[in-house]
Amino acid sequence: MSSESKIAPHVDPFMVEVIRNGLSSIAEEMSLTVMRSARSPVLREAGDLSSNLADANGAQIAQGQDIPMHMGVMSFTVPEFLKLVPKDRLRPGDVWMLNLPSIGGNHLPDVKCIRPVFAGGRIRAFAISLAHWGDIGGGAPGSYFASATDCWQEGLRIPPIRVVADDIVDEEKLGLVLANVRTPEDCRGDVLAQISATRTAERKLQEMFRKWGPDFVEAAFAALHDGAERQMRAAIRNLPNGVYEGEDAMDGPDENTPGAMIRVTVEVTDDSITFDYSGSDDHVPEPINTTRYITAASAYYVAKAVCGPDIQPSGGCYRPVKVITRPGSICDARDDKPVVGGNHETCQRIADAALKALEHCVPERLTAGGPTTAGLAIFGAQRPDGKWVSLYETHGGGEGGRADRPGADVIRVHMANVMNTSAEVIETEYPVDVVFQRLRPGSGGAGKNPGGLGQERAYRMRVDDVSLTTMFDRRDVPPYGLQGGEPGAPFAMILQRAGEDTEIALPGRANLRIHSGDMVTVRASGGGGYGKPETGGDDK
């Protein structure tokens, strides 16, 4: 529908609001279903998952309070899926599985399950569950292969497959998938949790259709889109028209090589906004490239966070937002390029570059640089019977300062929203001890409103021959300050071999082997300061 579309006369605006809140509640229940029934700690403890509802054409109508990067990508997943799997192939009771980045996706470990929801003889909606699997195959346990130069080294690539028909799991297809991962029991439990989440959504949507009628509810979907578009256009009109430029840098592959640059031009024109990333560097021979869907997700996040954080995140909300990429760039890499780290490292630089551009437009609405990296450490080990366990740990840091307050300590910001796994769960389920966890003193950048503190967390191995994968940024290019504030402390990961005092600084992207008694310490970055430091202030 165009921006001129009106709410259908028979759909009361108050009923649109009732249905909007009902849809959001369904998406939240989907996420809770996965967290309460999944097998992997990365889902049930850390919550690396997201839930989404779409209308019959695949346009987003509701999402859980999950991970912005996932949410933005899933606004493309169903439309791209429908280009390959037409609606006439879909049946009630179907669930389709896929993970290809080229189909409205991001990276291979994020597996998506899509269920069409029928009423009155045709598709009325889709329920989509995304979950990060602890392993999807590939060259390293945990499926982060730091030396990957092509997409096939990163793991099993799943095109759309009907994994459930008539609400019965197709064990042959699922068996093929699970034979290609290192932790099949965990992954089986996780995908069954995803399937259950989509079934929960279908049941709740059917209740809606029975109560108000599917045509009425679909009309409410359309009204929801149009209302969100009007709200977003009104919010953009509150920005000053202009062209604003920003850039940010990835860490390089080593300390002697500069990292790729992300560059954006943001143009505000009356009631629309354009993000043009064409000037970003070319794709690189490292697993930090990303898809155009991730780039759009990051731009959508910035537009909504700056303009209208309370607007329903529907397809209509993003109609006034245009995102331009250059095929072959790090922001729109060729399909054969590795992308696993771009999912949570490059996407954050894409958002940071846009936020830095908007410093020249609305600095009072912005936050200085924060822990815009997953700070990822993956510990993989084999039990005596040969079965693998894989601990996927992300680490938050200090939030940047704002115009009205200092930054918060130890938090996730922007495109991320994943929690730590508790020490008790780690020590129970993995051959790893958590030695300590504490605030990192002095890590916040100085400013009128200083940045928040990062954290320090140390892990000691209880067995030999543990696979350690690192994937983090902000080691060389620390979180930036705004309006004269100083940068926060950079991210660092340190290895101490058993019985030795020497600290070995680990690279941001690496696969290595560590052994019993070895200790890995994560020193998460602090936030950048906002405003020039005041003499005699209490900077962190």
Protein backbone atom coordinates (compact mmCIF):
# COMPACT_ATOMS: atom_id res chain seq x y z
CA MET A 1 0.00 0.00 0.00
CA SER A 2 1.17 3.54 -0.62
CA SER A 3 1.68 6.15 2.04
CA GLU A 4 -1.72 7.58 1.06
CA SER A 5 -3.60 4.41 2.06
CA LYS A 6 -6.21 4.87 4.76
CA ILE A 7 -7.35 2.55 7.52
CA ALA A 8 -10.24 0.51 6.12
CA PRO A 9 -13.54 1.94 7.45
CA HIS A 10 -14.59 -1.36 9.04
CA VAL A 11 -11.37 -1.63 11.10
CA ASP A 12 -11.67 0.48 14.22
CA PRO A 13 -8.31 2.12 15.12
CA PHE A 14 -8.70 0.86 18.67
CA MET A 15 -9.05 -2.68 17.37
CA VAL A 16 -5.86 -2.21 15.35
CA GLU A 17 -4.13 -1.41 18.63
CA VAL A 18 -5.64 -4.48 20.31
CA ILE A 19 -4.43 -6.69 17.46
CA ARG A 20 -1.01 -4.99 17.41
CA ASN A 21 -0.45 -5.80 21.07
CA GLY A 22 -1.79 -9.31 20.56
CA LEU A 23 0.72 -9.92 17.75
CA SER A 24 3.61 -8.64 19.86
CA SER A 25 2.52 -10.94 22.68
CA ILE A 26 2.51 -13.92 20.29
CA ALA A 27 6.06 -13.13 19.12
CA GLU A 28 7.21 -12.89 22.73
CA GLU A 29 5.60 -16.24 23.56
CA MET A 30 7.45 -17.79 20.62
CA SER A 31 10.77 -16.67 22.06
CA LEU A 32 9.89 -17.93 25.52
CA THR A 33 8.91 -21.28 24.03
CA VAL A 34 12.38 -21.67 22.49
CA MET A 35 14.22 -20.56 25.63
CA ARG A 36 12.23 -22.92 27.85
CA SER A 37 12.51 -25.98 25.61
CA ALA A 38 15.81 -25.67 23.70
CA ARG A 39 18.71 -27.92 24.57
CA SER A 40 21.71 -25.62 23.92
CA PRO A 41 22.75 -23.11 26.61
CA VAL A 42 23.31 -20.53 23.88
CA LEU A 43 19.51 -20.53 23.46
CA ARG A 44 18.07 -21.40 26.87
CA GLU A 45 20.59 -19.32 28.87
CA ALA A 46 22.06 -16.67 26.54
CA GLY A 47 18.92 -16.18 24.42
CA ASP A 48 20.64 -16.02 21.02
CA LEU A 49 17.32 -16.30 19.18
CA SER A 50 14.54 -14.17 17.74
CA SER A 51 10.89 -14.50 16.73
CA ASN A 52 8.95 -12.78 14.00
CA LEU A 53 5.46 -12.68 12.50
CA ALA A 54 4.79 -11.65 8.91
CA ASP A 55 1.69 -11.03 6.84
CA ALA A 56 0.73 -13.16 3.83
CA ASN A 57 3.24 -11.34 1.61
CA GLY A 58 6.08 -11.70 4.11
CA ALA A 59 6.05 -8.14 5.45
CA GLN A 60 6.89 -8.04 9.16
CA ILE A 61 3.97 -7.33 11.48
CA ALA A 62 5.45 -8.11 14.92
CA GLN A 63 8.65 -9.25 16.61
CA GLY A 64 9.82 -10.38 20.01
CA GLN A 65 12.01 -8.24 22.24
CA ASP A 66 15.00 -10.07 20.87
CA ILE A 67 18.04 -9.16 18.75
CA PRO A 68 17.85 -6.17 16.38
CA MET A 69 20.19 -7.75 13.85
CA HIS A 70 17.98 -10.86 13.61
CA MET A 71 14.82 -8.77 13.46
CA GLY A 72 16.00 -6.62 10.57
CA VAL A 73 17.14 -9.63 8.57
CA MET A 74 13.89 -11.52 9.13
CA SER A 75 11.96 -8.66 7.55
CA PHE A 76 13.49 -9.96 4.28
CA THR A 77 13.46 -13.72 4.91
CA VAL A 78 9.92 -14.63 3.90
CA PRO A 79 9.80 -12.42 0.76
CA GLU A 80 13.06 -14.00 -0.44
CA PHE A 81 11.84 -17.48 0.53
CA LEU A 82 8.65 -16.98 -1.50
CA LYS A 83 10.73 -16.20 -4.60
CA LEU A 84 12.01 -19.80 -4.46
CA VAL A 85 9.04 -21.55 -2.87
CA PRO A 86 5.76 -20.17 -4.28
CA LYS A 87 2.71 -20.07 -2.06
CA ASP A 88 1.00 -22.85 -4.03
CA ARG A 89 3.65 -25.29 -2.72
CA LEU A 90 2.86 -24.49 0.90
CA ARG A 91 0.41 -26.52 2.96
CA PRO A 92 -1.13 -26.32 6.44
CA GLY A 93 1.18 -28.07 8.92
CA ASP A 94 4.35 -27.19 6.96
CA VAL A 95 7.55 -25.95 8.54
CA TRP A 96 10.42 -25.04 6.22
CA MET A 97 14.04 -24.74 7.34
CA LEU A 98 16.84 -22.68 5.78
CA ASN A 99 20.06 -20.86 6.63
CA LEU A 100 21.43 -19.55 3.33
CA PRO A 101 22.65 -15.95 3.74
CA SER A 102 21.46 -15.18 0.20
CA ILE A 103 17.82 -15.87 1.14
CA GLY A 104 17.12 -12.95 3.41
CA GLY A 105 19.78 -14.20 5.79
CA ASN A 106 22.90 -13.43 7.73
CA HIS A 107 25.22 -16.35 8.63
CA LEU A 108 24.97 -20.12 8.61
CA PRO A 109 24.62 -20.82 12.38
CA ASP A 110 21.39 -18.80 12.45
CA VAL A 111 18.85 -21.39 11.28
CA LYS A 112 15.36 -20.17 10.45
CA CYS A 113 12.11 -22.16 10.63
CA ILE A 114 9.13 -20.77 8.67
CA ARG A 115 5.52 -21.88 9.14
CA PRO A 116 2.70 -20.63 6.89
CA VAL A 117 -0.53 -19.99 8.79
CA PHE A 118 -3.75 -20.67 6.88
CA ALA A 119 -7.30 -19.49 7.50
CA GLY A 120 -10.30 -19.47 5.20
CA GLY A 121 -8.46 -21.63 2.68
CA ARG A 122 -5.43 -19.43 2.12
CA ILE A 123 -2.25 -18.17 3.77
CA ARG A 124 -2.86 -15.25 6.12
CA ALA A 125 0.46 -15.02 7.97
CA PHE A 126 3.86 -16.59 8.59
CA ALA A 127 5.59 -17.45 11.87
CA ILE A 128 9.40 -17.39 11.78
CA SER A 129 11.76 -18.68 14.48
CA LEU A 130 15.48 -17.96 14.23
CA ALA A 131 17.93 -19.73 16.53
CA HIS A 132 21.70 -19.78 16.67
CA TRP A 133 22.85 -23.41 16.56
CA GLY A 134 25.96 -24.21 18.58
CA ASP A 135 27.49 -25.90 15.54
CA ILE A 136 26.60 -26.04 11.85
CA GLY A 137 29.67 -27.95 10.66
CA GLY A 138 32.56 -26.30 8.84
CA GLY A 139 36.26 -26.06 9.55
CA ALA A 140 36.20 -25.41 13.30
CA PRO A 141 34.09 -26.47 16.30
CA GLY A 142 31.37 -23.88 16.75
CA SER A 143 31.50 -23.14 12.99
CA TYR A 144 33.63 -20.01 13.20
CA PHE A 145 36.58 -20.78 10.93
CA ALA A 146 38.85 -17.76 11.24
CA SER A 147 40.86 -18.63 8.12
CA ALA A 148 37.82 -19.12 5.90
CA THR A 149 38.20 -17.69 2.42
CA ASP A 150 34.92 -18.96 0.97
CA CYS A 151 31.41 -19.70 2.22
CA TRP A 152 31.69 -23.50 1.97
CA GLN A 153 34.35 -23.59 4.71
CA GLU A 154 31.86 -22.13 7.18
CA GLY A 155 29.47 -25.05 7.47
CA LEU A 156 26.38 -26.78 6.14
CA ARG A 157 24.36 -24.66 3.73
CA ILE A 158 20.63 -25.39 3.92
CA PRO A 159 18.38 -24.21 1.10
CA PRO A 160 14.65 -24.15 1.86
CA ILE A 161 13.58 -27.67 2.81
CA ARG A 162 10.19 -28.83 4.13
CA VAL A 163 11.27 -30.38 7.41
CA VAL A 164 7.73 -30.76 8.77
CA ALA A 165 4.67 -31.83 6.73
CA ASP A 166 1.19 -32.25 8.24
CA ASP A 167 2.84 -31.41 11.58
CA ILE A 168 5.03 -34.54 11.34
CA VAL A 169 8.81 -34.15 11.34
CA ASP A 170 10.52 -35.52 8.23
CA GLU A 171 13.22 -37.55 9.97
CA GLU A 172 15.13 -38.27 6.73
CA LYS A 173 15.67 -34.60 5.97
CA LEU A 174 16.40 -33.69 9.57
CA GLY A 175 18.78 -36.65 9.80
CA LEU A 176 20.76 -35.38 6.81
CA VAL A 177 21.17 -32.00 8.50
CA LEU A 178 22.14 -33.43 11.89
CA ALA A 179 24.70 -35.78 10.34
CA ASN A 180 26.69 -32.69 9.33
CA VAL A 181 26.96 -30.96 12.71
CA ARG A 182 29.19 -31.79 15.68
CA THR A 183 26.46 -31.55 18.32
CA PRO A 184 23.48 -33.36 16.77
CA GLU A 185 21.63 -34.04 20.03
CA ASP A 186 21.70 -30.37 20.99
CA CYS A 187 20.76 -29.24 17.49
CA ARG A 188 17.87 -31.68 17.32
CA GLY A 189 16.49 -30.37 20.59
CA ASP A 190 16.93 -26.81 19.37
CA VAL A 191 15.13 -27.27 16.06
CA LEU A 192 12.25 -29.07 17.78
CA ALA A 193 11.98 -26.05 20.08
CA GLN A 194 11.84 -23.79 17.03
CA ILE A 195 9.15 -25.93 15.41
CA SER A 196 7.18 -25.82 18.66
CA ALA A 197 7.48 -22.01 18.76
CA THR A 198 5.97 -21.70 15.27
CA ARG A 199 3.17 -24.06 16.31
CA THR A 200 2.48 -21.84 19.32
CA ALA A 201 2.22 -18.83 17.02
CA GLU A 202 -0.14 -20.66 14.68
CA ARG A 203 -2.42 -21.65 17.55
CA LYS A 204 -2.58 -18.07 18.86
CA LEU A 205 -3.16 -16.59 15.41
CA GLN A 206 -5.97 -19.06 14.78
CA GLU A 207 -7.61 -17.86 17.98
CA MET A 208 -7.42 -14.32 16.59
CA PHE A 209 -8.90 -15.39 13.25
CA ARG A 210 -11.77 -17.24 14.93
CA LYS A 211 -12.56 -14.34 17.24
CA TRP A 212 -12.58 -11.49 14.70
CA GLY A 213 -12.49 -13.19 11.31
CA PRO A 214 -9.42 -13.60 9.08
CA ASP A 215 -10.42 -10.81 6.69
CA PHE A 216 -10.81 -8.35 9.55
CA VAL A 217 -7.45 -9.35 11.05
CA GLU A 218 -5.73 -9.03 7.67
CA ALA A 219 -7.25 -5.59 7.26
CA ALA A 220 -5.79 -4.75 10.66
CA PHE A 221 -2.37 -5.90 9.42
CA ALA A 222 -2.63 -3.46 6.51
CA ALA A 223 -3.78 -0.67 8.83
CA LEU A 224 -0.87 -1.43 11.15
CA HIS A 225 1.59 -1.03 8.25
CA ASP A 226 0.03 2.26 7.16
CA GLY A 227 -0.05 3.63 10.68
CA ALA A 228 3.60 2.77 11.30
CA GLU A 229 4.56 4.43 8.02
CA ARG A 230 2.74 7.64 8.97
CA GLN A 231 4.44 7.66 12.36
CA MET A 232 7.89 7.11 10.87
CA ARG A 233 7.44 9.80 8.25
CA ALA A 234 6.32 12.24 10.93
CA ALA A 235 9.36 11.34 13.05
CA ILE A 236 11.77 11.82 10.12
CA ARG A 237 10.27 15.27 9.50
CA ASN A 238 11.64 16.25 12.92
CA LEU A 239 15.20 15.75 11.63
CA PRO A 240 16.89 18.64 9.83
CA ASN A 241 17.15 18.05 6.10
CA GLY A 242 20.69 17.52 4.90
CA VAL A 243 23.43 15.15 3.78
CA TYR A 244 25.60 13.69 6.53
CA GLU A 245 28.66 11.48 6.21
CA GLY A 246 30.16 9.00 8.64
CA GLU A 247 32.68 6.18 8.70
CA ASP A 248 34.09 3.56 11.02
CA ALA A 249 36.83 0.97 10.70
CA MET A 250 37.02 -2.74 11.30
CA ASP A 251 40.09 -4.09 13.07
CA GLY A 252 42.68 -5.37 10.62
CA PRO A 253 43.67 -9.04 10.28
CA ASP A 254 46.87 -8.22 12.17
CA GLU A 255 48.39 -5.22 13.92
CA ASN A 256 50.29 -4.17 10.80
CA THR A 257 47.36 -4.24 8.38
CA PRO A 258 44.55 -1.66 8.47
CA GLY A 259 41.01 -2.96 8.59
CA ALA A 260 38.23 -2.45 6.10
CA MET A 261 36.40 0.87 6.16
CA ILE A 262 32.64 1.25 6.39
CA ARG A 263 31.46 4.55 4.88
CA VAL A 264 27.93 5.90 4.70
CA THR A 265 26.16 8.97 3.39
CA VAL A 266 22.88 9.67 5.17
CA GLU A 267 20.44 11.96 3.39
CA VAL A 268 17.35 13.31 5.13
CA THR A 269 14.75 14.71 2.73
CA ASP A 270 11.50 15.84 4.33
CA ASP A 271 9.79 12.59 5.38
CA SER A 272 12.29 10.03 4.07
CA ILE A 273 15.84 8.99 4.88
CA THR A 274 18.47 7.24 2.72
CA PHE A 275 21.56 5.34 3.87
CA ASP A 276 24.11 4.89 1.08
CA TYR A 277 26.97 2.47 1.89
CA SER A 278 28.36 2.36 -1.67
CA GLY A 279 31.63 3.95 -0.57
CA SER A 280 32.56 1.10 1.76
CA ASP A 281 35.59 -1.06 0.99
CA ASP A 282 35.46 -4.17 -1.15
CA HIS A 283 34.77 -7.58 0.37
CA VAL A 284 37.77 -9.14 2.08
CA PRO A 285 39.33 -12.65 2.25
CA GLU A 286 38.17 -13.03 5.86
CA PRO A 287 34.89 -14.14 7.48
CA ILE A 288 33.78 -10.57 8.24
CA ASN A 289 31.90 -9.81 5.03
CA THR A 290 28.19 -9.40 5.26
CA THR A 291 24.99 -9.47 3.25
CA ARG A 292 22.90 -6.58 2.00
CA TYR A 293 20.19 -7.80 4.37
CA ILE A 294 22.45 -7.25 7.38
CA THR A 295 23.37 -3.80 6.07
CA ALA A 296 19.69 -2.92 5.72
CA ALA A 297 18.97 -4.32 9.19
CA SER A 298 21.64 -2.05 10.70
CA ALA A 299 20.32 1.00 8.87
CA TYR A 300 16.75 0.17 9.91
CA TYR A 301 17.89 -0.10 13.51
CA VAL A 302 19.54 3.33 13.38
CA ALA A 303 16.53 4.96 11.72
CA LYS A 304 14.09 3.53 14.23
CA ALA A 305 16.28 4.13 17.31
CA VAL A 306 16.95 7.75 16.38
CA CYS A 307 13.57 8.67 14.90
CA GLY A 308 10.85 6.55 16.49
CA PRO A 309 11.83 3.86 19.00
CA ASP A 310 8.19 3.31 20.03
CA ILE A 311 6.84 2.81 16.48
CA GLN A 312 5.64 -0.74 15.73
CA PRO A 313 8.52 -2.43 13.83
CA SER A 314 6.37 -3.45 10.88
CA GLY A 315 7.00 -3.43 7.17
CA GLY A 316 5.27 -0.05 6.99
CA CYS A 317 7.71 1.44 9.48
CA TYR A 318 10.56 0.97 7.00
CA ARG A 319 8.83 2.22 3.85
CA PRO A 320 10.37 5.71 4.26
CA VAL A 321 13.87 4.21 4.74
CA LYS A 322 16.02 3.47 1.69
CA VAL A 323 19.28 1.51 1.92
CA ILE A 324 21.81 1.47 -0.93
CA THR A 325 24.75 -0.96 -1.12
CA ARG A 326 27.38 -1.74 -3.71
CA PRO A 327 27.54 -5.40 -4.80
CA GLY A 328 31.03 -6.74 -4.18
CA SER A 329 31.62 -4.52 -1.15
CA ILE A 330 32.05 -5.72 2.44
CA CYS A 331 28.46 -4.55 3.03
CA ASP A 332 27.06 -6.57 0.10
CA ALA A 333 29.53 -9.38 -0.46
CA ARG A 334 29.35 -11.89 -3.26
CA ASP A 335 27.48 -15.07 -2.28
CA ASP A 336 30.65 -17.19 -2.20
CA LYS A 337 32.37 -15.03 0.43
CA PRO A 338 32.60 -16.01 4.13
CA VAL A 339 30.31 -14.02 6.40
CA VAL A 340 30.14 -15.65 9.83
CA GLY A 341 31.73 -12.74 11.74
CA GLY A 342 30.05 -10.06 9.67
CA ASN A 343 26.83 -11.10 11.36
CA HIS A 344 27.78 -9.40 14.64
CA GLU A 345 31.01 -7.48 14.00
CA THR A 346 30.57 -5.73 10.64
CA CYS A 347 26.87 -5.10 11.28
CA GLN A 348 27.87 -3.06 14.33
CA ARG A 349 30.37 -0.99 12.33
CA ILE A 350 27.61 -0.38 9.78
CA ALA A 351 25.39 0.99 12.55
CA ASP A 352 28.25 2.95 14.16
CA ALA A 353 29.15 4.65 10.87
CA ALA A 354 25.54 5.85 10.48
CA LEU A 355 25.35 7.02 14.08
CA LYS A 356 28.59 8.95 13.65
CA ALA A 357 27.11 10.57 10.54
CA LEU A 358 24.08 11.67 12.55
CA GLU A 359 26.32 13.34 15.14
CA HIS A 360 26.20 16.27 12.70
CA CYS A 361 22.39 16.15 12.72
CA VAL A 362 20.98 15.20 16.14
CA PRO A 363 23.87 14.67 18.60
CA GLU A 364 21.53 15.03 21.57
CA ARG A 365 19.81 11.74 20.61
CA LEU A 366 22.97 9.66 20.31
CA THR A 367 25.17 7.52 22.49
CA ALA A 368 28.97 7.47 22.25
CA GLY A 369 30.67 4.27 21.09
CA GLY A 370 30.02 1.16 23.12
CA PRO A 371 30.80 -2.59 23.10
CA THR A 372 29.82 -3.01 19.47
CA THR A 373 31.39 -6.44 19.18
CA ALA A 374 30.18 -9.88 20.20
CA GLY A 375 33.43 -10.35 22.10
CA LEU A 376 33.10 -13.98 21.13
CA ALA A 377 34.98 -16.92 22.61
CA ILE A 378 33.96 -20.45 21.59
CA PHE A 379 35.31 -23.38 23.61
CA GLY A 380 34.92 -26.80 21.97
CA ALA A 381 35.91 -30.13 23.49
CA GLN A 382 35.29 -33.83 22.95
CA ARG A 383 34.09 -36.12 25.68
CA PRO A 384 35.79 -39.51 26.12
CA ASP A 385 33.06 -41.07 23.95
CA GLY A 386 33.96 -38.69 21.10
CA LYS A 387 30.87 -36.48 21.38
CA TRP A 388 31.44 -32.74 21.14
CA VAL A 389 30.38 -29.99 23.50
CA SER A 390 30.53 -26.37 22.36
CA LEU A 391 30.36 -23.32 24.63
CA TYR A 392 29.51 -20.13 22.72
CA GLU A 393 30.16 -17.10 24.95
CA THR A 394 29.58 -13.44 24.11
CA HIS A 395 30.69 -10.55 26.31
CA GLY A 396 29.16 -7.13 26.82
CA GLY A 397 31.06 -4.01 27.79
CA GLY A 398 30.56 -0.40 28.79
CA GLU A 399 27.85 1.65 27.13
CA GLY A 400 28.85 5.02 25.73
CA GLY A 401 27.89 8.19 27.53
CA ARG A 402 24.87 10.21 26.40
CA ALA A 403 23.99 13.90 26.48
CA ASP A 404 21.86 13.33 29.59
CA ARG A 405 23.70 10.60 31.53
CA PRO A 406 26.83 8.45 31.83
CA GLY A 407 26.99 5.09 30.09
CA ALA A 408 25.82 1.93 31.84
CA ASP A 409 28.31 -0.71 32.93
CA VAL A 410 28.50 -4.12 31.20
CA ILE A 411 25.68 -4.12 28.69
CA ARG A 412 25.00 -5.07 25.07
CA VAL A 413 24.13 -2.26 22.67
CA HIS A 414 22.73 -1.59 19.20
CA MET A 415 22.46 -4.74 17.05
CA ALA A 416 23.10 -7.20 19.90
CA ASN A 417 21.02 -8.47 22.82
CA VAL A 418 22.59 -11.73 24.04
CA MET A 419 23.31 -12.61 27.66
CA ASN A 420 26.24 -14.36 29.30
CA THR A 421 25.85 -17.98 30.30
CA SER A 422 25.98 -18.24 34.09
CA ALA A 423 29.10 -19.63 35.72
CA GLU A 424 27.05 -22.41 37.34
CA VAL A 425 25.77 -23.68 33.98
CA ILE A 426 29.21 -23.46 32.36
CA GLU A 427 30.92 -25.39 35.13
CA THR A 428 28.17 -28.04 35.18
CA GLU A 429 27.92 -28.69 31.45
CA TYR A 430 31.44 -27.95 30.16
CA PRO A 431 35.03 -28.81 31.19
CA VAL A 432 35.61 -25.13 31.95
CA ASP A 433 35.76 -23.18 35.23
CA VAL A 434 34.87 -19.49 35.52
CA VAL A 435 37.71 -18.14 37.68
CA PHE A 436 36.36 -14.63 38.20
CA GLN A 437 33.99 -12.03 36.77
CA ARG A 438 34.30 -8.36 37.70
CA LEU A 439 34.13 -4.81 36.43
CA ARG A 440 37.15 -3.60 34.48
CA PRO A 441 38.44 -0.53 36.35
CA GLY A 442 39.28 2.58 34.31
CA SER A 443 37.85 1.22 31.07
CA GLY A 444 35.22 3.93 30.50
CA GLY A 445 36.22 6.88 28.34
CA ALA A 446 36.41 10.29 30.02
CA GLY A 447 33.78 12.89 29.20
CA LYS A 448 31.22 15.24 30.63
CA ASN A 449 29.22 12.04 30.82
CA PRO A 450 31.77 9.22 30.91
CA GLY A 451 31.45 5.83 29.31
CA GLY A 452 30.42 2.78 31.30
CA LEU A 453 32.83 0.13 32.50
CA GLY A 454 33.56 -3.09 30.69
CA GLN A 455 33.99 -6.43 32.42
CA GLU A 456 36.73 -8.98 32.97
CA ARG A 457 35.86 -12.66 32.91
CA ALA A 458 38.35 -15.52 33.12
CA TYR A 459 37.94 -19.17 32.07
CA ARG A 460 40.26 -22.04 33.07
CA MET A 461 40.29 -25.34 31.19
CA ARG A 462 39.83 -28.62 33.06
CA VAL A 463 40.87 -30.88 30.15
CA ASP A 464 43.46 -30.97 27.40
CA ASP A 465 42.99 -30.27 23.71
CA VAL A 466 40.24 -27.66 23.85
CA SER A 467 39.44 -25.78 20.66
CA LEU A 468 39.31 -22.01 21.23
CA THR A 469 37.88 -19.67 18.62
CA THR A 470 38.05 -15.89 19.01
CA MET A 471 35.91 -13.47 17.03
CA PHE A 472 35.93 -9.92 18.33
CA ASP A 473 36.51 -6.35 17.19
CA ARG A 474 37.34 -3.03 18.90
CA ARG A 475 40.81 -4.36 19.73
CA ASP A 476 42.64 -1.84 17.49
CA VAL A 477 39.87 0.73 16.96
CA PRO A 478 38.36 1.41 20.41
CA PRO A 479 34.82 2.65 21.12
CA TYR A 480 34.67 6.29 20.06
CA GLY A 481 33.76 9.35 22.09
CA LEU A 482 31.21 11.93 20.94
CA GLN A 483 31.17 15.72 21.19
CA GLY A 484 34.72 15.84 22.57
CA GLY A 485 34.51 12.76 24.78
CA GLU A 486 37.42 10.33 24.91
CA PRO A 487 37.38 6.74 23.62
CA GLY A 488 36.82 3.77 25.90
CA ALA A 489 39.43 1.11 26.55
CA PRO A 490 39.82 -1.37 23.67
CA PHE A 491 38.66 -4.97 23.82
CA ALA A 492 41.28 -7.62 24.66
CA MET A 493 41.45 -11.37 25.14
CA ILE A 494 44.43 -12.82 27.01
CA LEU A 495 45.83 -16.37 27.21
CA GLN A 496 47.98 -17.57 30.09
CA ARG A 497 49.41 -21.05 29.73
CA ALA A 498 49.27 -23.32 32.77
CA GLY A 499 52.04 -22.53 35.26
CA GLU A 500 53.16 -19.41 33.37
CA ASP A 501 52.71 -15.72 34.20
CA THR A 502 53.23 -14.43 30.67
CA GLU A 503 50.14 -12.91 29.07
CA ILE A 504 49.64 -13.66 25.39
CA ALA A 505 47.37 -11.19 23.60
CA LEU A 506 45.07 -13.17 21.34
CA PRO A 507 44.11 -11.97 17.86
CA GLY A 508 40.55 -10.95 17.17
CA ARG A 509 39.96 -13.76 14.69
CA ALA A 510 41.72 -17.03 15.42
CA ASN A 511 41.38 -20.79 15.96
CA LEU A 512 43.85 -22.42 18.38
CA ARG A 513 44.22 -25.29 20.86
CA ILE A 514 44.53 -24.82 24.60
CA HIS A 515 44.98 -27.31 27.43
CA SER A 516 44.23 -28.17 31.04
CA GLY A 517 45.16 -25.31 33.38
CA ASP A 518 45.33 -22.71 30.62
CA MET A 519 43.34 -19.55 31.40
CA VAL A 520 41.61 -17.22 28.95
CA THR A 521 40.70 -13.76 30.24
CA VAL A 522 38.27 -11.52 28.40
CA ARG A 523 38.74 -7.78 28.99
CA ALA A 524 35.69 -6.15 27.46
CA SER A 525 35.87 -2.62 26.13
CA GLY A 526 34.58 0.38 28.02
CA GLY A 527 32.21 2.94 26.55
CA GLY A 528 33.29 6.21 24.98
CA GLY A 529 32.70 9.47 26.81
CA TYR A 530 30.17 12.11 25.73
CA GLY A 531 31.22 15.77 25.82
CA LYS A 532 34.54 17.26 26.85
CA PRO A 533 35.70 16.09 30.27
CA GLU A 534 35.13 18.58 33.03
CA THR A 535 38.12 19.42 35.20
CA GLY A 536 37.91 17.55 38.47
CA GLY A 537 35.08 15.30 37.21
CA ASP A 538 34.40 11.76 38.30
CA ASP A 539 35.23 10.06 35.01
CA LYS A 540 35.22 6.27 35.18
